[in-house]
Amino acid sequence: MTSVMTFFGLLFLFIFAFAILGMNLFGGKFKFENAEGKQVVSRSNFDNFLWAMVSVFQVSSFLTCAPFGTFMPGLNFPNVPL
């Protein structure tokens, strides 16, 4: 049980560190114009700490789930491109 808690503690530490780094590097830079010409912010952004943590988690979960879809196509992950 302690090894699992250690793993999740380290995982949170890395997500925290990369969220802070992403806020410093990319904060306020994900603004795009839509078809009407209005400035809109992407859902995954680094403008505040909450969305920075969510964005880093999305990237880390995609990187860990993608190889399973390529090595085991019979599992039928619906959102993983093969």
PDB file of N, CA and C in Angstrom:
ATOM      1  N   MET A   1       0.821  -1.203   0.000  1.00  0.00           N
ATOM      2  CA  MET A   1       0.000   0.000   0.000  1.00  0.00           C
ATOM      3  C   MET A   1       0.859   1.259   0.000  1.00  0.00           C
ATOM      4  N   THR A   2       1.967   1.212   0.702  1.00  0.00           N
ATOM      5  CA  THR A   2       2.813   2.406   0.754  1.00  0.00           C
ATOM      6  C   THR A   2       3.489   2.668  -0.586  1.00  0.00           C
ATOM      7  N   SER A   3       3.783   1.608  -1.346  1.00  0.00           N
ATOM      8  CA  SER A   3       4.406   1.834  -2.650  1.00  0.00           C
ATOM      9  C   SER A   3       3.421   2.491  -3.618  1.00  0.00           C
ATOM     10  N   VAL A   4       2.142   2.148  -3.497  1.00  0.00           N
ATOM     11  CA  VAL A   4       1.133   2.779  -4.349  1.00  0.00           C
ATOM     12  C   VAL A   4       0.999   4.255  -3.983  1.00  0.00           C
ATOM     13  N   MET A   5       0.985   4.548  -2.699  1.00  0.00           N
ATOM     14  CA  MET A   5       0.888   5.952  -2.276  1.00  0.00           C
ATOM     15  C   MET A   5       2.134   6.730  -2.674  1.00  0.00           C
ATOM     16  N   THR A   6       3.287   6.098  -2.632  1.00  0.00           N
ATOM     17  CA  THR A   6       4.518   6.750  -3.075  1.00  0.00           C
ATOM     18  C   THR A   6       4.460   7.052  -4.563  1.00  0.00           C
ATOM     19  N   PHE A   7       3.950   6.089  -5.346  1.00  0.00           N
ATOM     20  CA  PHE A   7       3.817   6.294  -6.783  1.00  0.00           C
ATOM     21  C   PHE A   7       2.900   7.474  -7.092  1.00  0.00           C
ATOM     22  N   PHE A   8       1.717   7.501  -6.453  1.00  0.00           N
ATOM     23  CA  PHE A   8       0.782   8.596  -6.725  1.00  0.00           C
ATOM     24  C   PHE A   8       1.295   9.925  -6.190  1.00  0.00           C
ATOM     25  N   GLY A   9       2.063   9.894  -5.119  1.00  0.00           N
ATOM     26  CA  GLY A   9       2.685  11.124  -4.631  1.00  0.00           C
ATOM     27  C   GLY A   9       3.690  11.675  -5.622  1.00  0.00           C
ATOM     28  N   LEU A  10       4.518  10.798  -6.184  1.00  0.00           N
ATOM     29  CA  LEU A  10       5.476  11.234  -7.205  1.00  0.00           C
ATOM     30  C   LEU A  10       4.774  11.682  -8.486  1.00  0.00           C
ATOM     31  N   LEU A  11       3.700  10.980  -8.850  1.00  0.00           N
ATOM     32  CA  LEU A  11       2.931  11.380 -10.025  1.00  0.00           C
ATOM     33  C   LEU A  11       2.346  12.776  -9.841  1.00  0.00           C
ATOM     34  N   PHE A  12       1.776  13.040  -8.672  1.00  0.00           N
ATOM     35  CA  PHE A  12       1.234  14.371  -8.394  1.00  0.00           C
ATOM     36  C   PHE A  12       2.339  15.418  -8.407  1.00  0.00           C
ATOM     37  N   LEU A  13       3.504  15.082  -7.873  1.00  0.00           N
ATOM     38  CA  LEU A  13       4.622  16.026  -7.856  1.00  0.00           C
ATOM     39  C   LEU A  13       5.060  16.391  -9.273  1.00  0.00           C
ATOM     40  N   PHE A  14       5.155  15.403 -10.159  1.00  0.00           N
ATOM     41  CA  PHE A  14       5.540  15.679 -11.539  1.00  0.00           C
ATOM     42  C   PHE A  14       4.463  16.476 -12.269  1.00  0.00           C
ATOM     43  N   ILE A  15       3.191  16.139 -12.064  1.00  0.00           N
ATOM     44  CA  ILE A  15       2.118  16.892 -12.707  1.00  0.00           C
ATOM     45  C   ILE A  15       2.122  18.328 -12.197  1.00  0.00           C
ATOM     46  N   PHE A  16       2.319  18.503 -10.904  1.00  0.00           N
ATOM     47  CA  PHE A  16       2.389  19.838 -10.310  1.00  0.00           C
ATOM     48  C   PHE A  16       3.528  20.644 -10.924  1.00  0.00           C
ATOM     49  N   ALA A  17       4.711  20.039 -11.024  1.00  0.00           N
ATOM     50  CA  ALA A  17       5.883  20.746 -11.549  1.00  0.00           C
ATOM     51  C   ALA A  17       5.684  21.130 -13.015  1.00  0.00           C
ATOM     52  N   PHE A  18       5.160  20.211 -13.823  1.00  0.00           N
ATOM     53  CA  PHE A  18       4.968  20.523 -15.231  1.00  0.00           C
ATOM     54  C   PHE A  18       3.810  21.490 -15.449  1.00  0.00           C
ATOM     55  N   ALA A  19       2.823  21.505 -14.556  1.00  0.00           N
ATOM     56  CA  ALA A  19       1.753  22.498 -14.656  1.00  0.00           C
ATOM     57  C   ALA A  19       2.302  23.894 -14.387  1.00  0.00           C
ATOM     58  N   ILE A  20       3.154  24.031 -13.381  1.00  0.00           N
ATOM     59  CA  ILE A  20       3.775  25.333 -13.101  1.00  0.00           C
ATOM     60  C   ILE A  20       4.669  25.758 -14.259  1.00  0.00           C
ATOM     61  N   LEU A  21       5.445  24.822 -14.791  1.00  0.00           N
ATOM     62  CA  LEU A  21       6.302  25.129 -15.940  1.00  0.00           C
ATOM     63  C   LEU A  21       5.467  25.540 -17.148  1.00  0.00           C
ATOM     64  N   GLY A  22       4.367  24.819 -17.405  1.00  0.00           N
ATOM     65  CA  GLY A  22       3.495  25.161 -18.525  1.00  0.00           C
ATOM     66  C   GLY A  22       2.841  26.521 -18.352  1.00  0.00           C
ATOM     67  N   MET A  23       2.487  26.879 -17.105  1.00  0.00           N
ATOM     68  CA  MET A  23       1.901  28.207 -16.869  1.00  0.00           C
ATOM     69  C   MET A  23       2.918  29.294 -17.175  1.00  0.00           C
ATOM     70  N   ASN A  24       4.171  29.056 -16.845  1.00  0.00           N
ATOM     71  CA  ASN A  24       5.209  30.052 -17.119  1.00  0.00           C
ATOM     72  C   ASN A  24       5.517  30.159 -18.618  1.00  0.00           C
ATOM     73  N   LEU A  25       5.505  29.041 -19.315  1.00  0.00           N
ATOM     74  CA  LEU A  25       5.862  29.057 -20.732  1.00  0.00           C
ATOM     75  C   LEU A  25       4.689  29.404 -21.646  1.00  0.00           C
ATOM     76  N   PHE A  26       3.492  28.869 -21.339  1.00  0.00           N
ATOM     77  CA  PHE A  26       2.380  28.955 -22.280  1.00  0.00           C
ATOM     78  C   PHE A  26       1.183  29.734 -21.761  1.00  0.00           C
ATOM     79  N   GLY A  27       1.274  30.368 -20.618  1.00  0.00           N
ATOM     80  CA  GLY A  27       0.129  31.084 -20.053  1.00  0.00           C
ATOM     81  C   GLY A  27      -0.329  32.230 -20.943  1.00  0.00           C
ATOM     82  N   GLY A  28      -1.614  32.225 -21.310  1.00  0.00           N
ATOM     83  CA  GLY A  28      -2.178  33.286 -22.128  1.00  0.00           C
ATOM     84  C   GLY A  28      -1.890  33.187 -23.608  1.00  0.00           C
ATOM     85  N   LYS A  29      -1.327  32.076 -24.075  1.00  0.00           N
ATOM     86  CA  LYS A  29      -0.957  31.967 -25.489  1.00  0.00           C
ATOM     87  C   LYS A  29      -1.892  31.095 -26.308  1.00  0.00           C
ATOM     88  N   PHE A  30      -2.895  30.473 -25.685  1.00  0.00           N
ATOM     89  CA  PHE A  30      -3.811  29.613 -26.424  1.00  0.00           C
ATOM     90  C   PHE A  30      -5.123  30.320 -26.699  1.00  0.00           C
ATOM     91  N   LYS A  31      -5.048  31.470 -27.361  1.00  0.00           N
ATOM     92  CA  LYS A  31      -6.239  32.221 -27.756  1.00  0.00           C
ATOM     93  C   LYS A  31      -6.322  32.201 -29.278  1.00  0.00           C
ATOM     94  N   PHE A  32      -7.489  31.788 -29.768  1.00  0.00           N
ATOM     95  CA  PHE A  32      -7.664  31.638 -31.203  1.00  0.00           C
ATOM     96  C   PHE A  32      -8.910  32.393 -31.634  1.00  0.00           C
ATOM     97  N   GLU A  33      -8.992  32.698 -32.919  1.00  0.00           N
ATOM     98  CA  GLU A  33     -10.190  33.333 -33.469  1.00  0.00           C
ATOM     99  C   GLU A  33     -11.114  32.256 -34.014  1.00  0.00           C
ATOM    100  N   ASN A  34     -12.403  32.370 -33.686  1.00  0.00           N
ATOM    101  CA  ASN A  34     -13.372  31.429 -34.242  1.00  0.00           C
ATOM    102  C   ASN A  34     -13.892  31.971 -35.574  1.00  0.00           C
ATOM    103  N   ALA A  35     -14.917  31.335 -36.115  1.00  0.00           N
ATOM    104  CA  ALA A  35     -15.448  31.729 -37.427  1.00  0.00           C
ATOM    105  C   ALA A  35     -16.051  33.125 -37.411  1.00  0.00           C
ATOM    106  N   GLU A  36     -16.497  33.588 -36.233  1.00  0.00           N
ATOM    107  CA  GLU A  36     -17.089  34.915 -36.132  1.00  0.00           C
ATOM    108  C   GLU A  36     -16.064  36.005 -35.876  1.00  0.00           C
ATOM    109  N   GLY A  37     -14.806  35.640 -35.726  1.00  0.00           N
ATOM    110  CA  GLY A  37     -13.753  36.613 -35.487  1.00  0.00           C
ATOM    111  C   GLY A  37     -13.537  36.958 -34.021  1.00  0.00           C
ATOM    112  N   LYS A  38     -14.202  36.252 -33.124  1.00  0.00           N
ATOM    113  CA  LYS A  38     -14.039  36.512 -31.691  1.00  0.00           C
ATOM    114  C   LYS A  38     -12.878  35.705 -31.131  1.00  0.00           C
ATOM    115  N   GLN A  39     -12.183  36.263 -30.150  1.00  0.00           N
ATOM    116  CA  GLN A  39     -11.092  35.560 -29.474  1.00  0.00           C
ATOM    117  C   GLN A  39     -11.681  34.555 -28.494  1.00  0.00           C
ATOM    118  N   VAL A  40     -11.343  33.295 -28.657  1.00  0.00           N
ATOM    119  CA  VAL A  40     -11.799  32.247 -27.751  1.00  0.00           C
ATOM    120  C   VAL A  40     -10.579  31.538 -27.179  1.00  0.00           C
ATOM    121  N   VAL A  41     -10.730  31.000 -25.982  1.00  0.00           N
ATOM    122  CA  VAL A  41      -9.652  30.281 -25.318  1.00  0.00           C
ATOM    123  C   VAL A  41      -9.900  28.790 -25.468  1.00  0.00           C
ATOM    124  N   SER A  42      -8.857  28.055 -25.787  1.00  0.00           N
ATOM    125  CA  SER A  42      -8.965  26.613 -25.898  1.00  0.00           C
ATOM    126  C   SER A  42      -9.327  26.011 -24.545  1.00  0.00           C
ATOM    127  N   ARG A  43     -10.019  24.882 -24.565  1.00  0.00           N
ATOM    128  CA  ARG A  43     -10.400  24.237 -23.305  1.00  0.00           C
ATOM    129  C   ARG A  43      -9.172  23.772 -22.535  1.00  0.00           C
ATOM    130  N   SER A  44      -8.196  23.229 -23.220  1.00  0.00           N
ATOM    131  CA  SER A  44      -6.941  22.835 -22.570  1.00  0.00           C
ATOM    132  C   SER A  44      -5.979  24.009 -22.657  1.00  0.00           C
ATOM    133  N   ASN A  45      -5.777  24.691 -21.546  1.00  0.00           N
ATOM    134  CA  ASN A  45      -4.904  25.851 -21.553  1.00  0.00           C
ATOM    135  C   ASN A  45      -4.082  25.890 -20.278  1.00  0.00           C
ATOM    136  N   PHE A  46      -3.189  26.829 -20.200  1.00  0.00           N
ATOM    137  CA  PHE A  46      -2.327  26.997 -19.037  1.00  0.00           C
ATOM    138  C   PHE A  46      -2.530  28.373 -18.406  1.00  0.00           C
ATOM    139  N   ASP A  47      -3.743  28.903 -18.498  1.00  0.00           N
ATOM    140  CA  ASP A  47      -4.011  30.235 -17.967  1.00  0.00           C
ATOM    141  C   ASP A  47      -4.145  30.252 -16.452  1.00  0.00           C
ATOM    142  N   ASN A  48      -4.673  29.190 -15.860  1.00  0.00           N
ATOM    143  CA  ASN A  48      -4.726  29.113 -14.402  1.00  0.00           C
ATOM    144  C   ASN A  48      -4.276  27.725 -13.962  1.00  0.00           C
ATOM    145  N   PHE A  49      -4.104  27.562 -12.670  1.00  0.00           N
ATOM    146  CA  PHE A  49      -3.493  26.329 -12.167  1.00  0.00           C
ATOM    147  C   PHE A  49      -4.377  25.108 -12.393  1.00  0.00           C
ATOM    148  N   LEU A  50      -5.683  25.249 -12.231  1.00  0.00           N
ATOM    149  CA  LEU A  50      -6.579  24.107 -12.411  1.00  0.00           C
ATOM    150  C   LEU A  50      -6.505  23.558 -13.825  1.00  0.00           C
ATOM    151  N   TRP A  51      -6.638  24.435 -14.827  1.00  0.00           N
ATOM    152  CA  TRP A  51      -6.604  23.969 -16.204  1.00  0.00           C
ATOM    153  C   TRP A  51      -5.209  23.524 -16.629  1.00  0.00           C
ATOM    154  N   ALA A  52      -4.181  24.063 -15.993  1.00  0.00           N
ATOM    155  CA  ALA A  52      -2.822  23.582 -16.265  1.00  0.00           C
ATOM    156  C   ALA A  52      -2.661  22.151 -15.777  1.00  0.00           C
ATOM    157  N   MET A  53      -3.191  21.855 -14.589  1.00  0.00           N
ATOM    158  CA  MET A  53      -3.127  20.485 -14.070  1.00  0.00           C
ATOM    159  C   MET A  53      -3.933  19.538 -14.958  1.00  0.00           C
ATOM    160  N   VAL A  54      -5.106  19.968 -15.399  1.00  0.00           N
ATOM    161  CA  VAL A  54      -5.934  19.131 -16.270  1.00  0.00           C
ATOM    162  C   VAL A  54      -5.227  18.891 -17.602  1.00  0.00           C
ATOM    163  N   SER A  55      -4.608  19.910 -18.166  1.00  0.00           N
ATOM    164  CA  SER A  55      -3.914  19.766 -19.451  1.00  0.00           C
ATOM    165  C   SER A  55      -2.739  18.815 -19.350  1.00  0.00           C
ATOM    166  N   VAL A  56      -1.954  18.934 -18.291  1.00  0.00           N
ATOM    167  CA  VAL A  56      -0.816  18.024 -18.107  1.00  0.00           C
ATOM    168  C   VAL A  56      -1.309  16.598 -17.889  1.00  0.00           C
ATOM    169  N   PHE A  57      -2.404  16.422 -17.139  1.00  0.00           N
ATOM    170  CA  PHE A  57      -2.964  15.086 -16.939  1.00  0.00           C
ATOM    171  C   PHE A  57      -3.456  14.489 -18.245  1.00  0.00           C
ATOM    172  N   GLN A  58      -4.090  15.309 -19.098  1.00  0.00           N
ATOM    173  CA  GLN A  58      -4.564  14.814 -20.387  1.00  0.00           C
ATOM    174  C   GLN A  58      -3.406  14.341 -21.255  1.00  0.00           C
ATOM    175  N   VAL A  59      -2.342  15.113 -21.282  1.00  0.00           N
ATOM    176  CA  VAL A  59      -1.185  14.731 -22.097  1.00  0.00           C
ATOM    177  C   VAL A  59      -0.538  13.472 -21.534  1.00  0.00           C
ATOM    178  N   SER A  60      -0.384  13.397 -20.217  1.00  0.00           N
ATOM    179  CA  SER A  60       0.258  12.215 -19.630  1.00  0.00           C
ATOM    180  C   SER A  60      -0.611  10.977 -19.785  1.00  0.00           C
ATOM    181  N   SER A  61      -1.925  11.103 -19.686  1.00  0.00           N
ATOM    182  CA  SER A  61      -2.780   9.931 -19.849  1.00  0.00           C
ATOM    183  C   SER A  61      -2.829   9.487 -21.306  1.00  0.00           C
ATOM    184  N   PHE A  62      -2.756  10.422 -22.250  1.00  0.00           N
ATOM    185  CA  PHE A  62      -2.712  10.026 -23.659  1.00  0.00           C
ATOM    186  C   PHE A  62      -1.412   9.302 -23.970  1.00  0.00           C
ATOM    187  N   LEU A  63      -0.297   9.779 -23.429  1.00  0.00           N
ATOM    188  CA  LEU A  63       0.983   9.146 -23.713  1.00  0.00           C
ATOM    189  C   LEU A  63       1.075   7.755 -23.118  1.00  0.00           C
ATOM    190  N   THR A  64       0.392   7.519 -22.008  1.00  0.00           N
ATOM    191  CA  THR A  64       0.453   6.186 -21.417  1.00  0.00           C
ATOM    192  C   THR A  64      -0.578   5.247 -22.012  1.00  0.00           C
ATOM    193  N   CYS A  65      -1.695   5.753 -22.532  1.00  0.00           N
ATOM    194  CA  CYS A  65      -2.733   4.883 -23.104  1.00  0.00           C
ATOM    195  C   CYS A  65      -2.507   4.568 -24.571  1.00  0.00           C
ATOM    196  N   ALA A  66      -1.796   5.402 -25.289  1.00  0.00           N
ATOM    197  CA  ALA A  66      -1.628   5.195 -26.722  1.00  0.00           C
ATOM    198  C   ALA A  66      -0.902   3.899 -27.064  1.00  0.00           C
ATOM    199  N   PRO A  67       0.168   3.497 -26.365  1.00  0.00           N
ATOM    200  CA  PRO A  67       0.819   2.243 -26.752  1.00  0.00           C
ATOM    201  C   PRO A  67      -0.070   1.013 -26.551  1.00  0.00           C
ATOM    202  N   PHE A  68      -0.995   1.036 -25.591  1.00  0.00           N
ATOM    203  CA  PHE A  68      -1.863  -0.111 -25.398  1.00  0.00           C
ATOM    204  C   PHE A  68      -2.785  -0.305 -26.586  1.00  0.00           C
ATOM    205  N   GLY A  69      -3.222   0.788 -27.190  1.00  0.00           N
ATOM    206  CA  GLY A  69      -4.070   0.683 -28.367  1.00  0.00           C
ATOM    207  C   GLY A  69      -3.327   0.167 -29.582  1.00  0.00           C
ATOM    208  N   THR A  70      -2.027   0.416 -29.655  1.00  0.00           N
ATOM    209  CA  THR A  70      -1.266  -0.057 -30.808  1.00  0.00           C
ATOM    210  C   THR A  70      -0.796  -1.495 -30.621  1.00  0.00           C
ATOM    211  N   PHE A  71      -0.484  -1.896 -29.384  1.00  0.00           N
ATOM    212  CA  PHE A  71      -0.002  -3.250 -29.154  1.00  0.00           C
ATOM    213  C   PHE A  71      -1.146  -4.245 -28.964  1.00  0.00           C
ATOM    214  N   MET A  72      -2.278  -3.794 -28.464  1.00  0.00           N
ATOM    215  CA  MET A  72      -3.412  -4.682 -28.224  1.00  0.00           C
ATOM    216  C   MET A  72      -4.668  -4.097 -28.867  1.00  0.00           C
ATOM    217  N   PRO A  73      -4.807  -4.181 -30.182  1.00  0.00           N
ATOM    218  CA  PRO A  73      -5.960  -3.561 -30.842  1.00  0.00           C
ATOM    219  C   PRO A  73      -7.275  -4.250 -30.520  1.00  0.00           C
ATOM    220  N   GLY A  74      -7.257  -5.453 -29.979  1.00  0.00           N
ATOM    221  CA  GLY A  74      -8.485  -6.152 -29.659  1.00  0.00           C
ATOM    222  C   GLY A  74      -9.223  -5.584 -28.461  1.00  0.00           C
ATOM    223  N   LEU A  75      -8.589  -4.684 -27.705  1.00  0.00           N
ATOM    224  CA  LEU A  75      -9.240  -4.121 -26.525  1.00  0.00           C
ATOM    225  C   LEU A  75     -10.245  -3.042 -26.873  1.00  0.00           C
ATOM    226  N   ASN A  76     -10.158  -2.475 -28.072  1.00  0.00           N
ATOM    227  CA  ASN A  76     -11.117  -1.487 -28.569  1.00  0.00           C
ATOM    228  C   ASN A  76     -11.241  -0.267 -27.682  1.00  0.00           C
ATOM    229  N   PHE A  77     -10.145   0.456 -27.487  1.00  0.00           N
ATOM    230  CA  PHE A  77     -10.224   1.741 -26.808  1.00  0.00           C
ATOM    231  C   PHE A  77     -10.905   2.721 -27.759  1.00  0.00           C
ATOM    232  N   PRO A  78     -12.020   3.346 -27.360  1.00  0.00           N
ATOM    233  CA  PRO A  78     -12.764   4.164 -28.328  1.00  0.00           C
ATOM    234  C   PRO A  78     -12.081   5.479 -28.694  1.00  0.00           C
ATOM    235  N   ASN A  79     -11.268   6.062 -27.820  1.00  0.00           N
ATOM    236  CA  ASN A  79     -10.710   7.386 -28.096  1.00  0.00           C
ATOM    237  C   ASN A  79      -9.232   7.364 -28.439  1.00  0.00           C
ATOM    238  N   VAL A  80      -8.655   6.194 -28.626  1.00  0.00           N
ATOM    239  CA  VAL A  80      -7.230   6.105 -28.899  1.00  0.00           C
ATOM    240  C   VAL A  80      -7.042   5.805 -30.382  1.00  0.00           C
ATOM    241  N   PRO A  81      -6.343   6.687 -31.110  1.00  0.00           N
ATOM    242  CA  PRO A  81      -6.107   6.403 -32.533  1.00  0.00           C
ATOM    243  C   PRO A  81      -5.120   5.254 -32.703  1.00  0.00           C
ATOM    244  N   LEU A  82      -5.401   4.379 -33.639  1.00  0.00           N
ATOM    245  CA  LEU A  82      -4.516   3.226 -33.882  1.00  0.00           C
ATOM    246  C   LEU A  82      -3.574   3.496 -35.006  1.00  0.00           C
TER     247      LEU A  82
END
